[in-house]
């Protein structure tokens, strides 16, 4: 006789997987352990997700979607670039898995971090360039700065922070917050009314 379906099985798998990844890291969180925590057979996990990588990918996309929705709600329709960094830090620190990935990418994401090849970072680079161009056309960002170059520099900084722990050792929340706040300050220098040599600025 087939086992009865568990309501919200997919959501429960994701919740169990996130807890295990935060506790032990992605590499140590097996599909069997995820299934055991939910109280289902391992095969039931595979009916929802093709692989363990797919589970983590779904978790990260879910976190990113929540961060994007909350950022848009807090920033409104016409945010400054520096404001996006300030709010981005706030929403990031409210997402345990995303924060943990920044603080210790190797320990949390493990081997998954080297498997991302789907073009998502390129898409974000293109989106950043389009936003920067719009801000420049509206007079909200220094038009003398090359649009593509600034988009590349900012996107590379974000990617660098995501992999910093791998090369520099685990980061603290304070170090992560400080680095993003520094980027906010640097970007604000390209905005009208910002602090410049011999002047005062909006913060």
C-alpha atoms as a PDB file:
ATOM      1  CA  UNK A   1       0.000   0.000   0.000  1.00  0.00           C
ATOM      2  CA  UNK A   2       1.542   3.373  -0.952  1.00  0.00           C
ATOM      3  CA  UNK A   3       2.510   5.770   1.797  1.00  0.00           C
ATOM      4  CA  UNK A   4       0.217   8.786   2.210  1.00  0.00           C
ATOM      5  CA  UNK A   5       1.564  12.030   0.792  1.00  0.00           C
ATOM      6  CA  UNK A   6       2.977  14.475   3.320  1.00  0.00           C
ATOM      7  CA  UNK A   7       1.430  17.947   2.981  1.00  0.00           C
ATOM      8  CA  UNK A   8       3.887  20.634   1.901  1.00  0.00           C
ATOM      9  CA  UNK A   9       6.573  18.001   1.362  1.00  0.00           C
ATOM     10  CA  UNK A  10       8.717  20.225  -0.842  1.00  0.00           C
ATOM     11  CA  UNK A  11       8.722  23.059   1.718  1.00  0.00           C
ATOM     12  CA  UNK A  12       9.563  20.654   4.533  1.00  0.00           C
ATOM     13  CA  UNK A  13      12.460  19.219   2.542  1.00  0.00           C
ATOM     14  CA  UNK A  14      13.819  22.704   1.925  1.00  0.00           C
ATOM     15  CA  UNK A  15      13.475  23.649   5.590  1.00  0.00           C
ATOM     16  CA  UNK A  16      15.246  20.482   6.714  1.00  0.00           C
ATOM     17  CA  UNK A  17      17.990  20.920   4.144  1.00  0.00           C
ATOM     18  CA  UNK A  18      18.613  24.527   5.176  1.00  0.00           C
ATOM     19  CA  UNK A  19      18.882  23.540   8.836  1.00  0.00           C
ATOM     20  CA  UNK A  20      21.335  20.726   8.054  1.00  0.00           C
ATOM     21  CA  UNK A  21      23.449  22.907   5.760  1.00  0.00           C
ATOM     22  CA  UNK A  22      23.678  25.608   8.417  1.00  0.00           C
ATOM     23  CA  UNK A  23      24.620  23.015  11.023  1.00  0.00           C
ATOM     24  CA  UNK A  24      27.080  20.888   9.047  1.00  0.00           C
ATOM     25  CA  UNK A  25      27.707  22.477   5.638  1.00  0.00           C
ATOM     26  CA  UNK A  26      26.435  21.405   2.223  1.00  0.00           C
ATOM     27  CA  UNK A  27      28.915  18.594   1.634  1.00  0.00           C
ATOM     28  CA  UNK A  28      28.026  16.881   4.924  1.00  0.00           C
ATOM     29  CA  UNK A  29      24.253  17.265   4.507  1.00  0.00           C
ATOM     30  CA  UNK A  30      23.287  14.072   2.678  1.00  0.00           C
ATOM     31  CA  UNK A  31      19.964  13.414   0.991  1.00  0.00           C
ATOM     32  CA  UNK A  32      19.470  10.555   3.455  1.00  0.00           C
ATOM     33  CA  UNK A  33      19.937  12.939   6.392  1.00  0.00           C
ATOM     34  CA  UNK A  34      17.499  15.419   4.861  1.00  0.00           C
ATOM     35  CA  UNK A  35      14.928  12.679   4.343  1.00  0.00           C
ATOM     36  CA  UNK A  36      15.387  11.419   7.899  1.00  0.00           C
ATOM     37  CA  UNK A  37      14.837  14.888   9.343  1.00  0.00           C
ATOM     38  CA  UNK A  38      11.600  15.273   7.361  1.00  0.00           C
ATOM     39  CA  UNK A  39      10.527  11.731   8.217  1.00  0.00           C
ATOM     40  CA  UNK A  40      10.246  10.468   4.640  1.00  0.00           C
ATOM     41  CA  UNK A  41      12.080   7.988   2.435  1.00  0.00           C
ATOM     42  CA  UNK A  42      15.095   9.171   0.451  1.00  0.00           C
ATOM     43  CA  UNK A  43      13.243   8.389  -2.769  1.00  0.00           C
ATOM     44  CA  UNK A  44      10.573  10.912  -1.829  1.00  0.00           C
ATOM     45  CA  UNK A  45      13.227  13.638  -1.766  1.00  0.00           C
ATOM     46  CA  UNK A  46      14.280  12.687  -5.285  1.00  0.00           C
ATOM     47  CA  UNK A  47      10.662  12.934  -6.433  1.00  0.00           C
ATOM     48  CA  UNK A  48      10.815  16.634  -5.527  1.00  0.00           C
ATOM     49  CA  UNK A  49      14.437  17.418  -6.448  1.00  0.00           C
ATOM     50  CA  UNK A  50      16.701  15.827  -9.034  1.00  0.00           C
ATOM     51  CA  UNK A  51      19.808  16.099  -6.848  1.00  0.00           C
ATOM     52  CA  UNK A  52      21.263  17.559  -3.674  1.00  0.00           C
ATOM     53  CA  UNK A  53      22.629  20.428  -5.759  1.00  0.00           C
ATOM     54  CA  UNK A  54      19.076  21.164  -6.905  1.00  0.00           C
ATOM     55  CA  UNK A  55      17.955  21.451  -3.282  1.00  0.00           C
ATOM     56  CA  UNK A  56      20.608  24.026  -2.435  1.00  0.00           C
ATOM     57  CA  UNK A  57      19.954  25.864  -5.678  1.00  0.00           C
ATOM     58  CA  UNK A  58      16.260  26.101  -4.763  1.00  0.00           C
ATOM     59  CA  UNK A  59      17.159  27.358  -1.287  1.00  0.00           C
ATOM     60  CA  UNK A  60      19.462  30.065  -2.615  1.00  0.00           C
ATOM     61  CA  UNK A  61      16.946  31.177  -5.235  1.00  0.00           C
ATOM     62  CA  UNK A  62      14.242  31.273  -2.569  1.00  0.00           C
ATOM     63  CA  UNK A  63      16.436  33.427  -0.320  1.00  0.00           C
ATOM     64  CA  UNK A  64      17.350  35.722  -3.203  1.00  0.00           C
ATOM     65  CA  UNK A  65      13.684  36.130  -4.159  1.00  0.00           C
ATOM     66  CA  UNK A  66      12.803  37.125  -0.585  1.00  0.00           C
ATOM     67  CA  UNK A  67      15.718  39.576  -0.492  1.00  0.00           C
ATOM     68  CA  UNK A  68      14.719  41.103  -3.835  1.00  0.00           C
ATOM     69  CA  UNK A  69      11.069  41.491  -2.840  1.00  0.00           C
ATOM     70  CA  UNK A  70      11.928  43.078   0.497  1.00  0.00           C
ATOM     71  CA  UNK A  71      14.548  45.365  -1.048  1.00  0.00           C
ATOM     72  CA  UNK A  72      12.048  46.640  -3.613  1.00  0.00           C
ATOM     73  CA  UNK A  73       9.509  47.252  -0.860  1.00  0.00           C
ATOM     74  CA  UNK A  74      11.988  49.189   1.287  1.00  0.00           C
ATOM     75  CA  UNK A  75      13.647  51.131  -1.527  1.00  0.00           C
ATOM     76  CA  UNK A  76      10.631  52.164  -3.574  1.00  0.00           C
ATOM     77  CA  UNK A  77      10.668  52.974  -7.264  1.00  0.00           C
ATOM     78  CA  UNK A  78      13.702  55.288  -7.617  1.00  0.00           C
ATOM     79  CA  UNK A  79      16.411  54.339  -5.114  1.00  0.00           C
ATOM     80  CA  UNK A  80      19.920  55.681  -5.147  1.00  0.00           C
ATOM     81  CA  UNK A  81      22.686  53.151  -5.716  1.00  0.00           C
ATOM     82  CA  UNK A  82      24.186  53.802  -2.279  1.00  0.00           C
ATOM     83  CA  UNK A  83      20.770  53.234  -0.682  1.00  0.00           C
ATOM     84  CA  UNK A  84      20.605  49.855  -2.389  1.00  0.00           C
ATOM     85  CA  UNK A  85      23.821  48.832  -0.623  1.00  0.00           C
ATOM     86  CA  UNK A  86      22.477  49.977   2.752  1.00  0.00           C
ATOM     87  CA  UNK A  87      19.176  48.143   2.340  1.00  0.00           C
ATOM     88  CA  UNK A  88      20.900  45.178   0.708  1.00  0.00           C
ATOM     89  CA  UNK A  89      22.997  44.687   3.825  1.00  0.00           C
ATOM     90  CA  UNK A  90      19.897  44.830   6.013  1.00  0.00           C
ATOM     91  CA  UNK A  91      18.001  42.206   4.047  1.00  0.00           C
ATOM     92  CA  UNK A  92      21.082  40.013   3.624  1.00  0.00           C
ATOM     93  CA  UNK A  93      21.672  39.772   7.364  1.00  0.00           C
ATOM     94  CA  UNK A  94      18.060  38.643   7.811  1.00  0.00           C
ATOM     95  CA  UNK A  95      18.641  35.615   5.549  1.00  0.00           C
ATOM     96  CA  UNK A  96      20.576  33.008   7.583  1.00  0.00           C
ATOM     97  CA  UNK A  97      21.685  30.838   4.654  1.00  0.00           C
ATOM     98  CA  UNK A  98      22.814  33.736   2.470  1.00  0.00           C
ATOM     99  CA  UNK A  99      24.646  35.360   5.372  1.00  0.00           C
ATOM    100  CA  UNK A 100      26.325  32.077   6.266  1.00  0.00           C
ATOM    101  CA  UNK A 101      27.399  31.625   2.648  1.00  0.00           C
ATOM    102  CA  UNK A 102      29.133  35.020   2.706  1.00  0.00           C
ATOM    103  CA  UNK A 103      30.752  34.414   6.094  1.00  0.00           C
ATOM    104  CA  UNK A 104      32.115  30.957   5.267  1.00  0.00           C
ATOM    105  CA  UNK A 105      31.482  30.045   1.647  1.00  0.00           C
ATOM    106  CA  UNK A 106      33.631  26.912   1.654  1.00  0.00           C
ATOM    107  CA  UNK A 107      32.220  25.550   4.907  1.00  0.00           C
ATOM    108  CA  UNK A 108      28.593  26.268   4.041  1.00  0.00           C
ATOM    109  CA  UNK A 109      28.354  25.903   0.266  1.00  0.00           C
ATOM    110  CA  UNK A 110      31.159  23.383  -0.076  1.00  0.00           C
ATOM    111  CA  UNK A 111      31.535  21.861  -3.525  1.00  0.00           C
ATOM    112  CA  UNK A 112      28.328  23.495  -4.774  1.00  0.00           C
ATOM    113  CA  UNK A 113      30.016  26.890  -5.125  1.00  0.00           C
ATOM    114  CA  UNK A 114      32.152  25.617  -8.013  1.00  0.00           C
ATOM    115  CA  UNK A 115      29.226  24.151  -9.969  1.00  0.00           C
ATOM    116  CA  UNK A 116      27.316  27.343 -10.814  1.00  0.00           C
ATOM    117  CA  UNK A 117      27.609  27.716 -14.582  1.00  0.00           C
ATOM    118  CA  UNK A 118      24.119  28.828 -15.598  1.00  0.00           C
ATOM    119  CA  UNK A 119      24.854  32.453 -16.429  1.00  0.00           C
ATOM    120  CA  UNK A 120      23.067  33.942 -13.422  1.00  0.00           C
ATOM    121  CA  UNK A 121      26.012  36.190 -12.559  1.00  0.00           C
ATOM    122  CA  UNK A 122      26.206  37.472 -16.133  1.00  0.00           C
ATOM    123  CA  UNK A 123      22.494  38.303 -15.984  1.00  0.00           C
ATOM    124  CA  UNK A 124      23.028  40.322 -12.813  1.00  0.00           C
ATOM    125  CA  UNK A 125      25.945  42.148 -14.413  1.00  0.00           C
ATOM    126  CA  UNK A 126      23.747  43.129 -17.356  1.00  0.00           C
ATOM    127  CA  UNK A 127      20.993  44.233 -14.976  1.00  0.00           C
ATOM    128  CA  UNK A 128      23.446  46.319 -12.948  1.00  0.00           C
ATOM    129  CA  UNK A 129      24.721  48.039 -16.097  1.00  0.00           C
ATOM    130  CA  UNK A 130      21.164  48.883 -17.168  1.00  0.00           C
ATOM    131  CA  UNK A 131      20.349  50.332 -13.736  1.00  0.00           C
ATOM    132  CA  UNK A 132      23.572  52.371 -13.642  1.00  0.00           C
ATOM    133  CA  UNK A 133      22.850  53.743 -17.132  1.00  0.00           C
ATOM    134  CA  UNK A 134      19.342  54.760 -16.033  1.00  0.00           C
ATOM    135  CA  UNK A 135      20.690  56.503 -12.917  1.00  0.00           C
ATOM    136  CA  UNK A 136      23.246  58.357 -15.010  1.00  0.00           C
ATOM    137  CA  UNK A 137      20.612  59.502 -17.498  1.00  0.00           C
ATOM    138  CA  UNK A 138      18.501  60.801 -14.597  1.00  0.00           C
ATOM    139  CA  UNK A 139      21.413  62.717 -13.086  1.00  0.00           C
ATOM    140  CA  UNK A 140      21.505  60.456 -10.018  1.00  0.00           C
ATOM    141  CA  UNK A 141      24.997  59.109 -10.753  1.00  0.00           C
ATOM    142  CA  UNK A 142      28.143  60.677 -12.201  1.00  0.00           C
ATOM    143  CA  UNK A 143      27.861  60.282 -15.979  1.00  0.00           C
ATOM    144  CA  UNK A 144      31.635  60.594 -16.414  1.00  0.00           C
ATOM    145  CA  UNK A 145      32.107  57.061 -15.092  1.00  0.00           C
ATOM    146  CA  UNK A 146      32.004  54.378 -17.770  1.00  0.00           C
ATOM    147  CA  UNK A 147      28.758  52.462 -17.259  1.00  0.00           C
ATOM    148  CA  UNK A 148      30.030  48.992 -18.153  1.00  0.00           C
ATOM    149  CA  UNK A 149      33.229  49.456 -16.152  1.00  0.00           C
ATOM    150  CA  UNK A 150      31.339  50.507 -13.015  1.00  0.00           C
ATOM    151  CA  UNK A 151      28.895  47.613 -13.363  1.00  0.00           C
ATOM    152  CA  UNK A 152      31.813  45.198 -13.697  1.00  0.00           C
ATOM    153  CA  UNK A 153      33.633  46.684 -10.704  1.00  0.00           C
ATOM    154  CA  UNK A 154      30.560  46.512  -8.445  1.00  0.00           C
ATOM    155  CA  UNK A 155      29.548  43.023  -9.585  1.00  0.00           C
ATOM    156  CA  UNK A 156      33.111  41.759  -9.130  1.00  0.00           C
ATOM    157  CA  UNK A 157      33.180  43.199  -5.625  1.00  0.00           C
ATOM    158  CA  UNK A 158      30.015  41.332  -4.709  1.00  0.00           C
ATOM    159  CA  UNK A 159      31.354  38.072  -6.156  1.00  0.00           C
ATOM    160  CA  UNK A 160      34.657  38.698  -4.394  1.00  0.00           C
ATOM    161  CA  UNK A 161      32.883  39.058  -1.058  1.00  0.00           C
ATOM    162  CA  UNK A 162      30.997  35.825  -1.709  1.00  0.00           C
ATOM    163  CA  UNK A 163      34.274  33.928  -2.154  1.00  0.00           C
ATOM    164  CA  UNK A 164      36.429  35.943   0.260  1.00  0.00           C
ATOM    165  CA  UNK A 165      36.120  33.406   3.069  1.00  0.00           C
ATOM    166  CA  UNK A 166      37.494  30.684   0.797  1.00  0.00           C
ATOM    167  CA  UNK A 167      40.733  32.603   0.348  1.00  0.00           C
ATOM    168  CA  UNK A 168      40.951  34.730   3.499  1.00  0.00           C
ATOM    169  CA  UNK A 169      39.276  32.544   6.102  1.00  0.00           C
ATOM    170  CA  UNK A 170      35.782  32.797   7.607  1.00  0.00           C
ATOM    171  CA  UNK A 171      34.465  36.336   8.055  1.00  0.00           C
ATOM    172  CA  UNK A 172      32.488  37.760  10.955  1.00  0.00           C
ATOM    173  CA  UNK A 173      29.137  39.502  10.550  1.00  0.00           C
ATOM    174  CA  UNK A 174      30.880  42.718  11.540  1.00  0.00           C
ATOM    175  CA  UNK A 175      33.501  42.325   8.806  1.00  0.00           C
ATOM    176  CA  UNK A 176      30.843  41.603   6.192  1.00  0.00           C
ATOM    177  CA  UNK A 177      28.732  44.546   7.319  1.00  0.00           C
ATOM    178  CA  UNK A 178      31.777  46.807   7.317  1.00  0.00           C
ATOM    179  CA  UNK A 179      32.776  45.813   3.788  1.00  0.00           C
ATOM    180  CA  UNK A 180      29.297  46.464   2.386  1.00  0.00           C
ATOM    181  CA  UNK A 181      29.055  49.763   4.299  1.00  0.00           C
ATOM    182  CA  UNK A 182      32.389  50.760   2.748  1.00  0.00           C
ATOM    183  CA  UNK A 183      30.969  50.056  -0.699  1.00  0.00           C
ATOM    184  CA  UNK A 184      27.939  52.202   0.140  1.00  0.00           C
ATOM    185  CA  UNK A 185      30.261  55.063   1.081  1.00  0.00           C
ATOM    186  CA  UNK A 186      32.366  54.675  -2.063  1.00  0.00           C
ATOM    187  CA  UNK A 187      29.330  54.580  -4.341  1.00  0.00           C
ATOM    188  CA  UNK A 188      27.777  57.596  -2.611  1.00  0.00           C
ATOM    189  CA  UNK A 189      30.784  59.611  -3.810  1.00  0.00           C
ATOM    190  CA  UNK A 190      29.456  59.238  -7.370  1.00  0.00           C
ATOM    191  CA  UNK A 191      26.054  60.655  -6.455  1.00  0.00           C
ATOM    192  CA  UNK A 192      25.024  64.318  -6.495  1.00  0.00           C
ATOM    193  CA  UNK A 193      25.180  65.979  -3.103  1.00  0.00           C
ATOM    194  CA  UNK A 194      27.669  63.415  -1.814  1.00  0.00           C
ATOM    195  CA  UNK A 195      30.730  64.187   0.291  1.00  0.00           C
ATOM    196  CA  UNK A 196      33.587  65.399  -1.879  1.00  0.00           C
ATOM    197  CA  UNK A 197      36.864  67.113  -1.200  1.00  0.00           C
ATOM    198  CA  UNK A 198      36.104  70.437   0.474  1.00  0.00           C
ATOM    199  CA  UNK A 199      32.385  69.711   0.872  1.00  0.00           C
ATOM    200  CA  UNK A 200      29.841  67.872   2.930  1.00  0.00           C
ATOM    201  CA  UNK A 201      27.484  65.212   1.777  1.00  0.00           C
ATOM    202  CA  UNK A 202      24.316  63.288   2.278  1.00  0.00           C
ATOM    203  CA  UNK A 203      24.554  60.082   4.248  1.00  0.00           C
END
